[in-house]
């Protein structure tokens, strides 16, 4: 491309293929889900340490599953916006 023709100021960055954008979007949502899950888990553990509660294995397993599902739901719905912000930052490069 010649600079100055049709308002162009220089070579363009190669466009990211749609499948790559989809994978990037999914990866950034997974990152946000992981982050939210970590926050939920740490908050629960902090509350337990303050109360002295010692739940059994079954309850810990169930709560872990609930944290995972909640985090995925939050991330897929836009949640904290971390995944979207990260996606925009990475796609612009």
PDB file of N, CA and C in Angstrom:
ATOM      1  N   UNK A   1       0.843  -1.171   0.000  1.00  0.00           N
ATOM      2  CA  UNK A   1       0.000   0.000   0.000  1.00  0.00           C
ATOM      3  C   UNK A   1       0.888   1.233   0.000  1.00  0.00           C
ATOM      4  N   UNK A   2       0.539   2.209  -0.806  1.00  0.00           N
ATOM      5  CA  UNK A   2       1.311   3.434  -0.927  1.00  0.00           C
ATOM      6  C   UNK A   2       0.758   4.451   0.065  1.00  0.00           C
ATOM      7  N   UNK A   3       1.661   5.034   0.826  1.00  0.00           N
ATOM      8  CA  UNK A   3       1.243   6.033   1.814  1.00  0.00           C
ATOM      9  C   UNK A   3       0.628   7.226   1.122  1.00  0.00           C
ATOM     10  N   UNK A   4      -0.430   7.757   1.668  1.00  0.00           N
ATOM     11  CA  UNK A   4      -1.066   8.936   1.141  1.00  0.00           C
ATOM     12  C   UNK A   4      -2.177   8.661   0.141  1.00  0.00           C
ATOM     13  N   UNK A   5      -2.315   7.448  -0.360  1.00  0.00           N
ATOM     14  CA  UNK A   5      -3.370   7.111  -1.305  1.00  0.00           C
ATOM     15  C   UNK A   5      -4.622   6.725  -0.536  1.00  0.00           C
ATOM     16  N   UNK A   6      -5.749   7.327  -0.880  1.00  0.00           N
ATOM     17  CA  UNK A   6      -7.031   7.055  -0.218  1.00  0.00           C
ATOM     18  C   UNK A   6      -6.967   7.279   1.285  1.00  0.00           C
ATOM     19  N   UNK A   7      -6.180   8.239   1.707  1.00  0.00           N
ATOM     20  CA  UNK A   7      -6.126   8.573   3.123  1.00  0.00           C
ATOM     21  C   UNK A   7      -5.296   7.605   3.951  1.00  0.00           C
ATOM     22  N   UNK A   8      -4.624   6.662   3.321  1.00  0.00           N
ATOM     23  CA  UNK A   8      -3.819   5.690   4.057  1.00  0.00           C
ATOM     24  C   UNK A   8      -2.532   6.349   4.517  1.00  0.00           C
ATOM     25  N   UNK A   9      -2.098   6.048   5.696  1.00  0.00           N
ATOM     26  CA  UNK A   9      -0.893   6.662   6.224  1.00  0.00           C
ATOM     27  C   UNK A   9       0.261   5.682   6.346  1.00  0.00           C
ATOM     28  N   UNK A  10       0.055   4.448   5.981  1.00  0.00           N
ATOM     29  CA  UNK A  10       1.127   3.465   6.073  1.00  0.00           C
ATOM     30  C   UNK A  10       0.568   2.067   5.982  1.00  0.00           C
ATOM     31  N   UNK A  11       1.452   1.094   6.156  1.00  0.00           N
ATOM     32  CA  UNK A  11       0.996  -0.290   6.058  1.00  0.00           C
ATOM     33  C   UNK A  11       0.027  -0.634   7.183  1.00  0.00           C
ATOM     34  N   UNK A  12      -0.921  -1.463   6.850  1.00  0.00           N
ATOM     35  CA  UNK A  12      -1.910  -1.891   7.844  1.00  0.00           C
ATOM     36  C   UNK A  12      -1.390  -3.079   8.619  1.00  0.00           C
ATOM     37  N   UNK A  13      -1.894  -3.207   9.845  1.00  0.00           N
ATOM     38  CA  UNK A  13      -1.603  -4.400  10.628  1.00  0.00           C
ATOM     39  C   UNK A  13      -2.401  -5.548  10.039  1.00  0.00           C
ATOM     40  N   UNK A  14      -1.847  -6.741  10.032  1.00  0.00           N
ATOM     41  CA  UNK A  14      -2.635  -7.867   9.517  1.00  0.00           C
ATOM     42  C   UNK A  14      -3.862  -8.094  10.396  1.00  0.00           C
ATOM     43  N   UNK A  15      -4.979  -8.346   9.756  1.00  0.00           N
ATOM     44  CA  UNK A  15      -6.228  -8.584  10.490  1.00  0.00           C
ATOM     45  C   UNK A  15      -6.186  -9.950  11.151  1.00  0.00           C
ATOM     46  N   UNK A  16      -6.717 -10.018  12.359  1.00  0.00           N
ATOM     47  CA  UNK A  16      -6.813 -11.288  13.062  1.00  0.00           C
ATOM     48  C   UNK A  16      -7.999 -12.048  12.491  1.00  0.00           C
ATOM     49  N   UNK A  17      -7.789 -13.302  12.188  1.00  0.00           N
ATOM     50  CA  UNK A  17      -8.856 -14.124  11.618  1.00  0.00           C
ATOM     51  C   UNK A  17      -9.950 -14.319  12.662  1.00  0.00           C
ATOM     52  N   UNK A  18     -11.218 -14.364  12.234  1.00  0.00           N
ATOM     53  CA  UNK A  18     -12.319 -14.549  13.186  1.00  0.00           C
ATOM     54  C   UNK A  18     -12.161 -15.742  14.132  1.00  0.00           C
ATOM     55  N   UNK A  19     -11.681 -16.919  13.665  1.00  0.00           N
ATOM     56  CA  UNK A  19     -11.506 -18.010  14.638  1.00  0.00           C
ATOM     57  C   UNK A  19     -10.504 -17.660  15.733  1.00  0.00           C
ATOM     58  N   UNK A  20      -9.483 -16.895  15.383  1.00  0.00           N
ATOM     59  CA  UNK A  20      -8.512 -16.479  16.401  1.00  0.00           C
ATOM     60  C   UNK A  20      -9.157 -15.505  17.375  1.00  0.00           C
ATOM     61  N   UNK A  21     -10.011 -14.636  16.878  1.00  0.00           N
ATOM     62  CA  UNK A  21     -10.710 -13.700  17.756  1.00  0.00           C
ATOM     63  C   UNK A  21     -11.639 -14.458  18.698  1.00  0.00           C
ATOM     64  N   UNK A  22     -12.306 -15.478  18.179  1.00  0.00           N
ATOM     65  CA  UNK A  22     -13.193 -16.286  19.025  1.00  0.00           C
ATOM     66  C   UNK A  22     -12.407 -16.984  20.118  1.00  0.00           C
ATOM     67  N   UNK A  23     -11.261 -17.543  19.761  1.00  0.00           N
ATOM     68  CA  UNK A  23     -10.431 -18.229  20.768  1.00  0.00           C
ATOM     69  C   UNK A  23      -9.900 -17.246  21.796  1.00  0.00           C
ATOM     70  N   UNK A  24      -9.516 -16.053  21.326  1.00  0.00           N
ATOM     71  CA  UNK A  24      -9.027 -15.036  22.254  1.00  0.00           C
ATOM     72  C   UNK A  24     -10.134 -14.595  23.204  1.00  0.00           C
ATOM     73  N   UNK A  25     -11.335 -14.405  22.667  1.00  0.00           N
ATOM     74  CA  UNK A  25     -12.485 -14.010  23.493  1.00  0.00           C
ATOM     75  C   UNK A  25     -12.749 -15.074  24.562  1.00  0.00           C
ATOM     76  N   UNK A  26     -12.724 -16.331  24.142  1.00  0.00           N
ATOM     77  CA  UNK A  26     -12.953 -17.430  25.084  1.00  0.00           C
ATOM     78  C   UNK A  26     -11.868 -17.477  26.162  1.00  0.00           C
ATOM     79  N   UNK A  27     -10.625 -17.277  25.758  1.00  0.00           N
ATOM     80  CA  UNK A  27      -9.515 -17.311  26.713  1.00  0.00           C
ATOM     81  C   UNK A  27      -9.612 -16.179  27.727  1.00  0.00           C
ATOM     82  N   UNK A  28     -10.005 -14.993  27.277  1.00  0.00           N
ATOM     83  CA  UNK A  28     -10.116 -13.875  28.215  1.00  0.00           C
ATOM     84  C   UNK A  28     -11.296 -14.058  29.159  1.00  0.00           C
ATOM     85  N   UNK A  29     -12.381 -14.694  28.680  1.00  0.00           N
ATOM     86  CA  UNK A  29     -13.506 -15.011  29.568  1.00  0.00           C
ATOM     87  C   UNK A  29     -13.090 -16.059  30.595  1.00  0.00           C
ATOM     88  N   UNK A  30     -12.311 -17.048  30.162  1.00  0.00           N
ATOM     89  CA  UNK A  30     -11.832 -18.066  31.099  1.00  0.00           C
ATOM     90  C   UNK A  30     -10.919 -17.450  32.150  1.00  0.00           C
ATOM     91  N   UNK A  31     -10.096 -16.491  31.737  1.00  0.00           N
ATOM     92  CA  UNK A  31      -9.234 -15.808  32.700  1.00  0.00           C
ATOM     93  C   UNK A  31     -10.074 -15.069  33.736  1.00  0.00           C
ATOM     94  N   UNK A  32     -11.104 -14.353  33.264  1.00  0.00           N
ATOM     95  CA  UNK A  32     -11.968 -13.635  34.195  1.00  0.00           C
ATOM     96  C   UNK A  32     -12.681 -14.611  35.125  1.00  0.00           C
ATOM     97  N   UNK A  33     -13.138 -15.736  34.588  1.00  0.00           N
ATOM     98  CA  UNK A  33     -13.808 -16.746  35.420  1.00  0.00           C
ATOM     99  C   UNK A  33     -12.854 -17.269  36.493  1.00  0.00           C
ATOM    100  N   UNK A  34     -11.616 -17.532  36.110  1.00  0.00           N
ATOM    101  CA  UNK A  34     -10.615 -17.998  37.074  1.00  0.00           C
ATOM    102  C   UNK A  34     -10.402 -16.951  38.165  1.00  0.00           C
ATOM    103  N   UNK A  35     -10.303 -15.685  37.762  1.00  0.00           N
ATOM    104  CA  UNK A  35     -10.094 -14.600  38.709  1.00  0.00           C
ATOM    105  C   UNK A  35     -11.268 -14.485  39.681  1.00  0.00           C
ATOM    106  N   UNK A  36     -12.488 -14.515  39.150  1.00  0.00           N
ATOM    107  CA  UNK A  36     -13.689 -14.411  39.992  1.00  0.00           C
ATOM    108  C   UNK A  36     -13.778 -15.617  40.926  1.00  0.00           C
ATOM    109  N   UNK A  37     -13.491 -16.806  40.411  1.00  0.00           N
ATOM    110  CA  UNK A  37     -13.531 -18.007  41.250  1.00  0.00           C
ATOM    111  C   UNK A  37     -12.532 -17.891  42.400  1.00  0.00           C
ATOM    112  N   UNK A  38     -11.358 -17.373  42.109  1.00  0.00           N
ATOM    113  CA  UNK A  38     -10.351 -17.188  43.157  1.00  0.00           C
ATOM    114  C   UNK A  38     -10.839 -16.204  44.205  1.00  0.00           C
ATOM    115  N   UNK A  39     -11.471 -15.120  43.770  1.00  0.00           N
ATOM    116  CA  UNK A  39     -12.030 -14.156  44.721  1.00  0.00           C
ATOM    117  C   UNK A  39     -13.087 -14.797  45.611  1.00  0.00           C
ATOM    118  N   UNK A  40     -13.995 -15.564  44.990  1.00  0.00           N
ATOM    119  CA  UNK A  40     -15.054 -16.230  45.764  1.00  0.00           C
ATOM    120  C   UNK A  40     -14.472 -17.212  46.777  1.00  0.00           C
ATOM    121  N   UNK A  41     -13.514 -18.012  46.322  1.00  0.00           N
ATOM    122  CA  UNK A  41     -12.902 -19.015  47.200  1.00  0.00           C
ATOM    123  C   UNK A  41     -12.193 -18.345  48.379  1.00  0.00           C
ATOM    124  N   UNK A  42     -11.441 -17.278  48.090  1.00  0.00           N
ATOM    125  CA  UNK A  42     -10.714 -16.588  49.155  1.00  0.00           C
ATOM    126  C   UNK A  42     -11.664 -15.908  50.138  1.00  0.00           C
ATOM    127  N   UNK A  43     -12.745 -15.343  49.626  1.00  0.00           N
ATOM    128  CA  UNK A  43     -13.735 -14.713  50.508  1.00  0.00           C
ATOM    129  C   UNK A  43     -14.371 -15.755  51.427  1.00  0.00           C
ATOM    130  N   UNK A  44     -14.701 -16.914  50.870  1.00  0.00           N
ATOM    131  CA  UNK A  44     -15.308 -17.975  51.668  1.00  0.00           C
ATOM    132  C   UNK A  44     -14.330 -18.479  52.739  1.00  0.00           C
ATOM    133  N   UNK A  45     -13.080 -18.668  52.346  1.00  0.00           N
ATOM    134  CA  UNK A  45     -12.077 -19.136  53.305  1.00  0.00           C
ATOM    135  C   UNK A  45     -11.820 -18.101  54.396  1.00  0.00           C
ATOM    136  N   UNK A  46     -11.843 -16.827  54.015  1.00  0.00           N
ATOM    137  CA  UNK A  46     -11.670 -15.766  55.004  1.00  0.00           C
ATOM    138  C   UNK A  46     -12.805 -15.732  56.010  1.00  0.00           C
ATOM    139  N   UNK A  47     -14.018 -15.895  55.515  1.00  0.00           N
ATOM    140  CA  UNK A  47     -15.177 -15.916  56.405  1.00  0.00           C
ATOM    141  C   UNK A  47     -15.120 -17.127  57.335  1.00  0.00           C
ATOM    142  N   UNK A  48     -14.675 -18.255  56.793  1.00  0.00           N
ATOM    143  CA  UNK A  48     -14.548 -19.459  57.632  1.00  0.00           C
ATOM    144  C   UNK A  48     -13.502 -19.285  58.718  1.00  0.00           C
ATOM    145  N   UNK A  49     -12.397 -18.666  58.379  1.00  0.00           N
ATOM    146  CA  UNK A  49     -11.345 -18.508  59.382  1.00  0.00           C
ATOM    147  C   UNK A  49     -11.807 -17.581  60.517  1.00  0.00           C
ATOM    148  N   UNK A  50     -12.647 -16.617  60.182  1.00  0.00           N
ATOM    149  CA  UNK A  50     -13.176 -15.725  61.218  1.00  0.00           C
ATOM    150  C   UNK A  50     -14.207 -16.424  62.095  1.00  0.00           C
ATOM    151  N   UNK A  51     -15.009 -17.310  61.492  1.00  0.00           N
ATOM    152  CA  UNK A  51     -16.066 -17.969  62.256  1.00  0.00           C
ATOM    153  C   UNK A  51     -15.600 -19.262  62.916  1.00  0.00           C
ATOM    154  N   UNK A  52     -14.478 -19.810  62.459  1.00  0.00           N
ATOM    155  CA  UNK A  52     -13.990 -21.064  63.015  1.00  0.00           C
ATOM    156  C   UNK A  52     -14.710 -22.287  62.471  1.00  0.00           C
ATOM    157  N   UNK A  53     -15.520 -22.114  61.449  1.00  0.00           N
ATOM    158  CA  UNK A  53     -16.291 -23.216  60.852  1.00  0.00           C
ATOM    159  C   UNK A  53     -15.355 -24.192  60.138  1.00  0.00           C
ATOM    160  N   UNK A  54     -15.639 -25.475  60.289  1.00  0.00           N
ATOM    161  CA  UNK A  54     -14.878 -26.533  59.624  1.00  0.00           C
ATOM    162  C   UNK A  54     -15.841 -27.446  58.859  1.00  0.00           C
ATOM    163  N   UNK A  55     -16.192 -27.093  57.614  1.00  0.00           N
ATOM    164  CA  UNK A  55     -17.142 -27.912  56.861  1.00  0.00           C
ATOM    165  C   UNK A  55     -16.518 -29.230  56.424  1.00  0.00           C
ATOM    166  N   UNK A  56     -17.381 -30.198  56.161  1.00  0.00           N
ATOM    167  CA  UNK A  56     -16.918 -31.496  55.710  1.00  0.00           C
ATOM    168  C   UNK A  56     -16.517 -31.485  54.250  1.00  0.00           C
ATOM    169  N   UNK A  57     -15.990 -32.621  53.821  1.00  0.00           N
ATOM    170  CA  UNK A  57     -15.513 -32.761  52.447  1.00  0.00           C
ATOM    171  C   UNK A  57     -16.631 -32.530  51.432  1.00  0.00           C
ATOM    172  N   UNK A  58     -17.803 -33.105  51.685  1.00  0.00           N
ATOM    173  CA  UNK A  58     -18.917 -32.976  50.739  1.00  0.00           C
ATOM    174  C   UNK A  58     -19.322 -31.514  50.573  1.00  0.00           C
ATOM    175  N   UNK A  59     -19.382 -30.794  51.653  1.00  0.00           N
ATOM    176  CA  UNK A  59     -19.770 -29.380  51.580  1.00  0.00           C
ATOM    177  C   UNK A  59     -18.705 -28.555  50.868  1.00  0.00           C
ATOM    178  N   UNK A  60     -17.449 -28.834  51.148  1.00  0.00           N
ATOM    179  CA  UNK A  60     -16.367 -28.121  50.467  1.00  0.00           C
ATOM    180  C   UNK A  60     -16.398 -28.389  48.962  1.00  0.00           C
ATOM    181  N   UNK A  61     -16.676 -29.629  48.587  1.00  0.00           N
ATOM    182  CA  UNK A  61     -16.760 -30.000  47.177  1.00  0.00           C
ATOM    183  C   UNK A  61     -17.915 -29.270  46.504  1.00  0.00           C
ATOM    184  N   UNK A  62     -19.068 -29.262  47.158  1.00  0.00           N
ATOM    185  CA  UNK A  62     -20.240 -28.585  46.606  1.00  0.00           C
ATOM    186  C   UNK A  62     -19.991 -27.083  46.471  1.00  0.00           C
ATOM    187  N   UNK A  63     -19.423 -26.483  47.483  1.00  0.00           N
ATOM    188  CA  UNK A  63     -19.152 -25.044  47.429  1.00  0.00           C
ATOM    189  C   UNK A  63     -18.118 -24.715  46.351  1.00  0.00           C
ATOM    190  N   UNK A  64     -17.139 -25.589  46.171  1.00  0.00           N
ATOM    191  CA  UNK A  64     -16.152 -25.384  45.107  1.00  0.00           C
ATOM    192  C   UNK A  64     -16.805 -25.419  43.740  1.00  0.00           C
ATOM    193  N   UNK A  65     -17.721 -26.380  43.545  1.00  0.00           N
ATOM    194  CA  UNK A  65     -18.454 -26.473  42.279  1.00  0.00           C
ATOM    195  C   UNK A  65     -19.312 -25.224  42.075  1.00  0.00           C
ATOM    196  N   UNK A  66     -19.976 -24.782  43.135  1.00  0.00           N
ATOM    197  CA  UNK A  66     -20.808 -23.577  43.039  1.00  0.00           C
ATOM    198  C   UNK A  66     -19.973 -22.346  42.691  1.00  0.00           C
ATOM    199  N   UNK A  67     -18.802 -22.232  43.294  1.00  0.00           N
ATOM    200  CA  UNK A  67     -17.915 -21.106  42.992  1.00  0.00           C
ATOM    201  C   UNK A  67     -17.515 -21.121  41.520  1.00  0.00           C
ATOM    202  N   UNK A  68     -17.196 -22.302  41.003  1.00  0.00           N
ATOM    203  CA  UNK A  68     -16.799 -22.440  39.601  1.00  0.00           C
ATOM    204  C   UNK A  68     -17.934 -22.033  38.674  1.00  0.00           C
ATOM    205  N   UNK A  69     -19.139 -22.521  38.940  1.00  0.00           N
ATOM    206  CA  UNK A  69     -20.291 -22.205  38.100  1.00  0.00           C
ATOM    207  C   UNK A  69     -20.650 -20.722  38.174  1.00  0.00           C
ATOM    208  N   UNK A  70     -20.614 -20.157  39.358  1.00  0.00           N
ATOM    209  CA  UNK A  70     -20.907 -18.736  39.534  1.00  0.00           C
ATOM    210  C   UNK A  70     -19.883 -17.896  38.781  1.00  0.00           C
ATOM    211  N   UNK A  71     -18.612 -18.246  38.891  1.00  0.00           N
ATOM    212  CA  UNK A  71     -17.551 -17.493  38.220  1.00  0.00           C
ATOM    213  C   UNK A  71     -17.715 -17.551  36.702  1.00  0.00           C
ATOM    214  N   UNK A  72     -18.046 -18.715  36.165  1.00  0.00           N
ATOM    215  CA  UNK A  72     -18.260 -18.842  34.715  1.00  0.00           C
ATOM    216  C   UNK A  72     -19.441 -17.989  34.273  1.00  0.00           C
ATOM    217  N   UNK A  73     -20.497 -18.023  35.052  1.00  0.00           N
ATOM    218  CA  UNK A  73     -21.689 -17.241  34.722  1.00  0.00           C
ATOM    219  C   UNK A  73     -21.380 -15.740  34.733  1.00  0.00           C
ATOM    220  N   UNK A  74     -20.659 -15.305  35.740  1.00  0.00           N
ATOM    221  CA  UNK A  74     -20.285 -13.892  35.852  1.00  0.00           C
ATOM    222  C   UNK A  74     -19.426 -13.482  34.659  1.00  0.00           C
ATOM    223  N   UNK A  75     -18.440 -14.298  34.322  1.00  0.00           N
ATOM    224  CA  UNK A  75     -17.536 -13.969  33.219  1.00  0.00           C
ATOM    225  C   UNK A  75     -18.265 -13.935  31.876  1.00  0.00           C
ATOM    226  N   UNK A  76     -19.175 -14.862  31.644  1.00  0.00           N
ATOM    227  CA  UNK A  76     -19.895 -14.918  30.375  1.00  0.00           C
ATOM    228  C   UNK A  76     -20.887 -13.770  30.223  1.00  0.00           C
ATOM    229  N   UNK A  77     -21.361 -13.236  31.325  1.00  0.00           N
ATOM    230  CA  UNK A  77     -22.333 -12.140  31.247  1.00  0.00           C
ATOM    231  C   UNK A  77     -21.661 -10.765  31.259  1.00  0.00           C
ATOM    232  N   UNK A  78     -20.357 -10.735  31.238  1.00  0.00           N
ATOM    233  CA  UNK A  78     -19.653  -9.452  31.244  1.00  0.00           C
ATOM    234  C   UNK A  78     -19.093  -9.119  32.600  1.00  0.00           C
ATOM    235  N   UNK A  79     -19.667  -9.721  33.610  1.00  0.00           N
ATOM    236  CA  UNK A  79     -19.188  -9.643  34.988  1.00  0.00           C
ATOM    237  C   UNK A  79     -18.480  -8.375  35.392  1.00  0.00           C
ATOM    238  N   UNK A  80     -17.235  -8.515  35.729  1.00  0.00           N
ATOM    239  CA  UNK A  80     -16.437  -7.396  36.203  1.00  0.00           C
ATOM    240  C   UNK A  80     -15.869  -6.580  35.049  1.00  0.00           C
ATOM    241  N   UNK A  81     -15.935  -7.130  33.854  1.00  0.00           N
ATOM    242  CA  UNK A  81     -15.409  -6.438  32.681  1.00  0.00           C
ATOM    243  C   UNK A  81     -13.936  -6.678  32.438  1.00  0.00           C
ATOM    244  N   UNK A  82     -13.321  -7.498  33.266  1.00  0.00           N
ATOM    245  CA  UNK A  82     -11.890  -7.757  33.129  1.00  0.00           C
ATOM    246  C   UNK A  82     -11.607  -8.501  31.822  1.00  0.00           C
ATOM    247  N   UNK A  83     -12.414  -9.510  31.531  1.00  0.00           N
ATOM    248  CA  UNK A  83     -12.218 -10.279  30.304  1.00  0.00           C
ATOM    249  C   UNK A  83     -12.375  -9.420  29.065  1.00  0.00           C
ATOM    250  N   UNK A  84     -13.388  -8.577  29.032  1.00  0.00           N
ATOM    251  CA  UNK A  84     -13.623  -7.700  27.878  1.00  0.00           C
ATOM    252  C   UNK A  84     -12.502  -6.685  27.723  1.00  0.00           C
ATOM    253  N   UNK A  85     -12.067  -6.108  28.834  1.00  0.00           N
ATOM    254  CA  UNK A  85     -10.986  -5.129  28.795  1.00  0.00           C
ATOM    255  C   UNK A  85      -9.697  -5.777  28.284  1.00  0.00           C
ATOM    256  N   UNK A  86      -9.397  -6.969  28.777  1.00  0.00           N
ATOM    257  CA  UNK A  86      -8.213  -7.701  28.335  1.00  0.00           C
ATOM    258  C   UNK A  86      -8.323  -8.058  26.864  1.00  0.00           C
ATOM    259  N   UNK A  87      -9.504  -8.499  26.429  1.00  0.00           N
ATOM    260  CA  UNK A  87      -9.734  -8.845  25.012  1.00  0.00           C
ATOM    261  C   UNK A  87      -9.480  -7.640  24.118  1.00  0.00           C
ATOM    262  N   UNK A  88     -10.039  -6.492  24.470  1.00  0.00           N
ATOM    263  CA  UNK A  88      -9.854  -5.279  23.664  1.00  0.00           C
ATOM    264  C   UNK A  88      -8.396  -4.877  23.586  1.00  0.00           C
ATOM    265  N   UNK A  89      -7.702  -5.009  24.702  1.00  0.00           N
ATOM    266  CA  UNK A  89      -6.283  -4.644  24.739  1.00  0.00           C
ATOM    267  C   UNK A  89      -5.479  -5.572  23.838  1.00  0.00           C
ATOM    268  N   UNK A  90      -5.761  -6.860  23.889  1.00  0.00           N
ATOM    269  CA  UNK A  90      -4.987  -7.819  23.099  1.00  0.00           C
ATOM    270  C   UNK A  90      -5.340  -7.775  21.618  1.00  0.00           C
ATOM    271  N   UNK A  91      -6.598  -7.518  21.290  1.00  0.00           N
ATOM    272  CA  UNK A  91      -7.023  -7.513  19.895  1.00  0.00           C
ATOM    273  C   UNK A  91      -6.504  -6.284  19.156  1.00  0.00           C
ATOM    274  N   UNK A  92      -6.218  -5.211  19.888  1.00  0.00           N
ATOM    275  CA  UNK A  92      -5.751  -3.980  19.254  1.00  0.00           C
ATOM    276  C   UNK A  92      -4.275  -4.031  18.877  1.00  0.00           C
ATOM    277  N   UNK A  93      -3.581  -5.059  19.318  1.00  0.00           N
ATOM    278  CA  UNK A  93      -2.134  -5.160  19.034  1.00  0.00           C
ATOM    279  C   UNK A  93      -1.871  -5.917  17.777  1.00  0.00           C
TER     280      UNK A  93
END
